[in-house]
Amino acid sequence: VQLQESGPGLVKPSQTLSLTCIVSGGSITQNYVYWSWIRQPPGKGLEWMGAIGYSGGTYYSPSLKSRTSISRDTSKNQFTLQLSSVTPEDTAVYYCNLRDYWGQGTQVTVSS
């Protein structure tokens, strides 16, 4: 399985961050599979943000739930993260993940 994140590297405060994870070598509808978004702010540890499951169900970190939405496009075998009302504290490297499989990560900076 290969995962590849894509999206803008710079987002302005109060805007919505949108990232897409393109999946190859596996289907996002494969049974019992959950696709996650994880981020790592500078100098901090990994933070699980949320996931979308094989049947389309979504799960979010309580601390980010009010601002986070994860969706999928099964025809393109990809899933998307949207994080609204971003602040500089949302600056991080964002990863899409499936168990031991990780995307390369994409740096997102929130700045005016």
N, C-alpha and C. Protein backbone atom coordinates (compact mmCIF):
# COMPACT_ATOMS: atom_id res chain seq x y z
N VAL A 1 0.85 -1.19 0.00
CA VAL A 1 0.00 0.00 0.00
C VAL A 1 0.89 1.24 0.00
N GLN A 2 0.54 2.18 -0.85
CA GLN A 2 1.25 3.46 -0.88
C GLN A 2 0.25 4.59 -0.68
N LEU A 3 0.67 5.56 0.10
CA LEU A 3 -0.17 6.73 0.39
C LEU A 3 0.60 8.00 0.03
N GLN A 4 -0.09 8.93 -0.54
CA GLN A 4 0.53 10.18 -0.96
C GLN A 4 -0.38 11.35 -0.61
N GLU A 5 0.12 12.24 0.25
CA GLU A 5 -0.64 13.42 0.62
C GLU A 5 -0.46 14.52 -0.43
N SER A 6 -1.48 15.30 -0.60
CA SER A 6 -1.37 16.47 -1.47
C SER A 6 -2.23 17.59 -0.92
N GLY A 7 -1.78 18.82 -1.16
CA GLY A 7 -2.53 19.97 -0.69
C GLY A 7 -1.61 21.17 -0.56
N PRO A 8 -2.17 22.32 -0.25
CA PRO A 8 -1.37 23.54 -0.15
C PRO A 8 -0.45 23.51 1.06
N GLY A 9 0.71 24.09 0.91
CA GLY A 9 1.66 24.13 2.01
C GLY A 9 1.48 25.34 2.92
N LEU A 10 0.69 26.30 2.47
CA LEU A 10 0.49 27.52 3.25
C LEU A 10 -1.00 27.85 3.29
N VAL A 11 -1.49 28.05 4.49
CA VAL A 11 -2.89 28.39 4.69
C VAL A 11 -2.95 29.60 5.62
N LYS A 12 -3.87 30.50 5.35
CA LYS A 12 -3.99 31.69 6.18
C LYS A 12 -4.87 31.40 7.40
N PRO A 13 -4.61 32.08 8.49
CA PRO A 13 -5.44 31.91 9.69
C PRO A 13 -6.92 32.14 9.38
N SER A 14 -7.75 31.34 10.02
CA SER A 14 -9.20 31.34 9.91
C SER A 14 -9.71 30.60 8.67
N GLN A 15 -8.82 30.24 7.76
CA GLN A 15 -9.25 29.51 6.58
C GLN A 15 -9.37 28.00 6.88
N THR A 16 -9.80 27.26 5.88
CA THR A 16 -9.92 25.82 6.00
C THR A 16 -8.79 25.13 5.28
N LEU A 17 -8.12 24.26 6.02
CA LEU A 17 -7.05 23.44 5.45
C LEU A 17 -7.67 22.21 4.81
N SER A 18 -7.25 21.90 3.60
CA SER A 18 -7.79 20.73 2.91
C SER A 18 -6.64 19.93 2.32
N LEU A 19 -6.56 18.66 2.70
CA LEU A 19 -5.53 17.75 2.22
C LEU A 19 -6.18 16.48 1.69
N THR A 20 -5.57 15.92 0.67
CA THR A 20 -6.06 14.69 0.09
C THR A 20 -4.99 13.62 0.17
N CYS A 21 -5.39 12.41 0.45
CA CYS A 21 -4.49 11.26 0.47
C CYS A 21 -4.89 10.32 -0.68
N ILE A 22 -3.98 10.15 -1.60
CA ILE A 22 -4.22 9.24 -2.73
C ILE A 22 -3.64 7.89 -2.38
N VAL A 23 -4.47 6.88 -2.48
CA VAL A 23 -4.09 5.53 -2.08
C VAL A 23 -3.87 4.66 -3.31
N SER A 24 -2.79 3.91 -3.32
CA SER A 24 -2.55 2.94 -4.37
C SER A 24 -2.10 1.63 -3.75
N GLY A 25 -2.37 0.56 -4.44
CA GLY A 25 -1.99 -0.75 -3.93
C GLY A 25 -2.96 -1.33 -2.93
N GLY A 26 -4.08 -0.68 -2.74
CA GLY A 26 -5.10 -1.16 -1.82
C GLY A 26 -6.35 -0.33 -1.99
N SER A 27 -7.47 -0.89 -1.60
CA SER A 27 -8.74 -0.19 -1.75
C SER A 27 -9.18 0.44 -0.44
N ILE A 28 -9.66 1.67 -0.50
CA ILE A 28 -10.12 2.33 0.73
C ILE A 28 -11.42 1.71 1.23
N THR A 29 -12.03 0.84 0.43
CA THR A 29 -13.25 0.17 0.88
C THR A 29 -12.97 -1.26 1.35
N GLN A 30 -11.70 -1.59 1.43
CA GLN A 30 -11.34 -2.94 1.90
C GLN A 30 -11.88 -3.16 3.30
N ASN A 31 -12.44 -4.32 3.55
CA ASN A 31 -13.08 -4.61 4.83
C ASN A 31 -12.14 -4.39 6.01
N TYR A 32 -12.72 -3.79 7.05
CA TYR A 32 -12.07 -3.66 8.36
C TYR A 32 -10.81 -2.82 8.31
N VAL A 33 -10.77 -1.88 7.39
CA VAL A 33 -9.61 -1.00 7.26
C VAL A 33 -10.03 0.42 7.61
N TYR A 34 -9.18 1.10 8.36
CA TYR A 34 -9.45 2.46 8.80
C TYR A 34 -8.28 3.36 8.40
N TRP A 35 -8.60 4.41 7.69
CA TRP A 35 -7.60 5.30 7.13
C TRP A 35 -7.56 6.58 7.98
N SER A 36 -6.37 6.89 8.45
CA SER A 36 -6.23 7.97 9.43
C SER A 36 -5.47 9.18 8.88
N TRP A 37 -5.73 10.29 9.56
CA TRP A 37 -4.90 11.48 9.42
C TRP A 37 -4.21 11.71 10.76
N ILE A 38 -2.92 11.95 10.68
CA ILE A 38 -2.09 12.17 11.85
C ILE A 38 -1.19 13.37 11.56
N ARG A 39 -0.93 14.17 12.57
CA ARG A 39 -0.07 15.33 12.35
C ARG A 39 1.00 15.41 13.43
N GLN A 40 2.05 16.14 13.11
CA GLN A 40 3.12 16.36 14.07
C GLN A 40 3.56 17.82 14.02
N PRO A 41 3.15 18.59 15.02
CA PRO A 41 3.60 19.99 15.09
C PRO A 41 5.10 20.05 15.36
N PRO A 42 5.73 21.15 15.02
CA PRO A 42 7.17 21.25 15.24
C PRO A 42 7.53 21.07 16.70
N GLY A 43 8.47 20.19 16.97
CA GLY A 43 8.94 19.95 18.32
C GLY A 43 8.01 19.16 19.21
N LYS A 44 6.93 18.62 18.62
CA LYS A 44 5.96 17.86 19.40
C LYS A 44 5.78 16.46 18.85
N GLY A 45 4.99 15.67 19.54
CA GLY A 45 4.76 14.30 19.12
C GLY A 45 3.64 14.18 18.10
N LEU A 46 3.40 12.95 17.70
CA LEU A 46 2.34 12.67 16.75
C LEU A 46 0.98 12.82 17.40
N GLU A 47 0.05 13.38 16.63
CA GLU A 47 -1.32 13.56 17.11
C GLU A 47 -2.28 12.93 16.12
N TRP A 48 -3.04 11.96 16.58
CA TRP A 48 -4.07 11.36 15.73
C TRP A 48 -5.24 12.32 15.62
N MET A 49 -5.66 12.60 14.40
CA MET A 49 -6.72 13.57 14.18
C MET A 49 -8.07 12.92 13.93
N GLY A 50 -8.05 11.83 13.21
CA GLY A 50 -9.31 11.17 12.88
C GLY A 50 -9.10 10.10 11.84
N ALA A 51 -10.19 9.41 11.52
CA ALA A 51 -10.10 8.32 10.55
C ALA A 51 -11.44 8.13 9.85
N ILE A 52 -11.34 7.49 8.70
CA ILE A 52 -12.54 7.08 7.98
C ILE A 52 -12.41 5.58 7.72
N GLY A 53 -13.48 4.88 7.98
CA GLY A 53 -13.45 3.44 7.89
C GLY A 53 -13.89 2.93 6.54
N TYR A 54 -13.79 1.61 6.39
CA TYR A 54 -14.08 0.96 5.12
C TYR A 54 -15.52 1.15 4.65
N SER A 55 -16.41 1.36 5.61
CA SER A 55 -17.81 1.55 5.25
C SER A 55 -18.19 3.03 5.17
N GLY A 56 -17.21 3.90 5.39
CA GLY A 56 -17.46 5.33 5.32
C GLY A 56 -17.69 6.00 6.65
N GLY A 57 -17.72 5.24 7.72
CA GLY A 57 -17.87 5.84 9.03
C GLY A 57 -16.66 6.67 9.41
N THR A 58 -16.90 7.75 10.15
CA THR A 58 -15.81 8.65 10.52
C THR A 58 -15.64 8.71 12.03
N TYR A 59 -14.42 8.96 12.44
CA TYR A 59 -14.04 8.99 13.85
C TYR A 59 -13.06 10.14 14.04
N TYR A 60 -13.27 10.93 15.09
CA TYR A 60 -12.47 12.12 15.26
C TYR A 60 -11.91 12.22 16.67
N SER A 61 -10.73 12.84 16.75
CA SER A 61 -10.19 13.18 18.05
C SER A 61 -11.13 14.16 18.74
N PRO A 62 -11.45 13.93 20.00
CA PRO A 62 -12.37 14.85 20.70
C PRO A 62 -11.88 16.30 20.67
N SER A 63 -10.58 16.48 20.72
CA SER A 63 -10.05 17.84 20.78
C SER A 63 -10.16 18.57 19.45
N LEU A 64 -10.35 17.84 18.36
CA LEU A 64 -10.41 18.46 17.04
C LEU A 64 -11.76 18.25 16.35
N LYS A 65 -12.64 17.53 16.99
CA LYS A 65 -13.88 17.10 16.35
C LYS A 65 -14.69 18.26 15.78
N SER A 66 -14.72 19.36 16.51
CA SER A 66 -15.57 20.48 16.07
C SER A 66 -15.04 21.14 14.80
N ARG A 67 -13.77 20.91 14.46
CA ARG A 67 -13.18 21.58 13.30
C ARG A 67 -12.78 20.62 12.18
N THR A 68 -12.99 19.33 12.39
CA THR A 68 -12.43 18.33 11.46
C THR A 68 -13.52 17.60 10.70
N SER A 69 -13.24 17.36 9.43
CA SER A 69 -14.12 16.55 8.61
C SER A 69 -13.26 15.68 7.69
N ILE A 70 -13.57 14.39 7.68
CA ILE A 70 -12.87 13.47 6.79
C ILE A 70 -13.90 12.84 5.86
N SER A 71 -13.58 12.85 4.59
CA SER A 71 -14.48 12.27 3.59
C SER A 71 -13.66 11.43 2.62
N ARG A 72 -14.37 10.78 1.70
CA ARG A 72 -13.65 9.93 0.75
C ARG A 72 -14.30 9.98 -0.62
N ASP A 73 -13.51 9.64 -1.62
CA ASP A 73 -14.01 9.49 -2.98
C ASP A 73 -13.59 8.10 -3.42
N THR A 74 -14.53 7.18 -3.36
CA THR A 74 -14.18 5.80 -3.67
C THR A 74 -13.83 5.61 -5.14
N SER A 75 -14.37 6.46 -6.01
CA SER A 75 -14.06 6.33 -7.44
C SER A 75 -12.60 6.69 -7.73
N LYS A 76 -12.02 7.52 -6.86
CA LYS A 76 -10.63 7.92 -7.03
C LYS A 76 -9.70 7.23 -6.02
N ASN A 77 -10.30 6.44 -5.14
CA ASN A 77 -9.53 5.74 -4.10
C ASN A 77 -8.69 6.72 -3.29
N GLN A 78 -9.33 7.74 -2.78
CA GLN A 78 -8.65 8.75 -1.99
C GLN A 78 -9.55 9.25 -0.88
N PHE A 79 -8.95 9.82 0.14
CA PHE A 79 -9.73 10.41 1.22
C PHE A 79 -9.14 11.76 1.58
N THR A 80 -9.99 12.60 2.15
CA THR A 80 -9.68 14.01 2.31
C THR A 80 -9.88 14.46 3.74
N LEU A 81 -8.98 15.33 4.18
CA LEU A 81 -9.08 15.97 5.48
C LEU A 81 -9.42 17.43 5.29
N GLN A 82 -10.38 17.92 6.04
CA GLN A 82 -10.64 19.35 6.11
C GLN A 82 -10.59 19.78 7.57
N LEU A 83 -9.81 20.81 7.84
CA LEU A 83 -9.68 21.37 9.18
C LEU A 83 -10.02 22.85 9.08
N SER A 84 -11.06 23.25 9.74
CA SER A 84 -11.55 24.62 9.61
C SER A 84 -10.96 25.55 10.68
N SER A 85 -11.10 26.82 10.43
CA SER A 85 -10.70 27.86 11.40
C SER A 85 -9.29 27.64 11.91
N VAL A 86 -8.37 27.46 11.01
CA VAL A 86 -7.01 27.14 11.42
C VAL A 86 -6.32 28.34 12.07
N THR A 87 -5.38 28.02 12.95
CA THR A 87 -4.53 29.02 13.60
C THR A 87 -3.08 28.58 13.42
N PRO A 88 -2.14 29.43 13.79
CA PRO A 88 -0.73 29.02 13.68
C PRO A 88 -0.42 27.73 14.44
N GLU A 89 -1.22 27.42 15.47
CA GLU A 89 -1.01 26.19 16.22
C GLU A 89 -1.31 24.93 15.40
N ASP A 90 -1.94 25.11 14.26
CA ASP A 90 -2.21 23.97 13.36
C ASP A 90 -1.07 23.73 12.39
N THR A 91 -0.03 24.53 12.48
CA THR A 91 1.16 24.28 11.67
C THR A 91 1.78 22.95 12.06
N ALA A 92 2.00 22.10 11.07
CA ALA A 92 2.47 20.75 11.36
C ALA A 92 2.80 20.02 10.06
N VAL A 93 3.43 18.88 10.21
CA VAL A 93 3.53 17.94 9.10
C VAL A 93 2.32 17.01 9.22
N TYR A 94 1.58 16.89 8.16
CA TYR A 94 0.36 16.09 8.14
C TYR A 94 0.62 14.80 7.36
N TYR A 95 0.20 13.69 7.98
CA TYR A 95 0.39 12.37 7.38
C TYR A 95 -0.94 11.67 7.21
N CYS A 96 -1.07 10.91 6.13
CA CYS A 96 -2.14 9.93 6.06
C CYS A 96 -1.52 8.57 6.37
N ASN A 97 -2.35 7.70 6.95
CA ASN A 97 -1.81 6.49 7.54
C ASN A 97 -2.78 5.33 7.47
N LEU A 98 -2.22 4.16 7.30
CA LEU A 98 -2.95 2.90 7.45
C LEU A 98 -2.00 1.95 8.17
N ARG A 99 -2.26 1.73 9.43
CA ARG A 99 -1.43 0.81 10.23
C ARG A 99 0.04 1.17 10.09
N ASP A 100 0.83 0.30 9.49
CA ASP A 100 2.27 0.55 9.34
C ASP A 100 2.62 1.32 8.07
N TYR A 101 1.61 1.68 7.32
CA TYR A 101 1.86 2.39 6.07
C TYR A 101 1.62 3.89 6.27
N TRP A 102 2.59 4.67 5.85
CA TRP A 102 2.52 6.11 6.02
C TRP A 102 2.79 6.82 4.69
N GLY A 103 2.13 7.93 4.51
CA GLY A 103 2.53 8.81 3.44
C GLY A 103 3.84 9.50 3.82
N GLN A 104 4.43 10.22 2.89
CA GLN A 104 5.69 10.90 3.17
C GLN A 104 5.50 12.11 4.06
N GLY A 105 4.27 12.55 4.19
CA GLY A 105 3.99 13.73 5.00
C GLY A 105 4.05 14.99 4.17
N THR A 106 3.22 15.94 4.55
CA THR A 106 3.23 17.23 3.87
C THR A 106 3.24 18.35 4.91
N GLN A 107 4.13 19.28 4.75
CA GLN A 107 4.23 20.40 5.67
C GLN A 107 3.13 21.41 5.37
N VAL A 108 2.40 21.76 6.39
CA VAL A 108 1.40 22.82 6.27
C VAL A 108 1.73 23.91 7.28
N THR A 109 1.87 25.09 6.79
CA THR A 109 2.15 26.25 7.64
C THR A 109 0.95 27.18 7.61
N VAL A 110 0.52 27.59 8.81
CA VAL A 110 -0.58 28.54 8.92
C VAL A 110 0.02 29.91 9.25
N SER A 111 -0.10 30.81 8.32
CA SER A 111 0.50 32.13 8.51
C SER A 111 -0.16 33.11 7.55
N SER A 112 -0.24 34.34 8.01
CA SER A 112 -0.78 35.38 7.14
C SER A 112 0.32 35.99 6.27
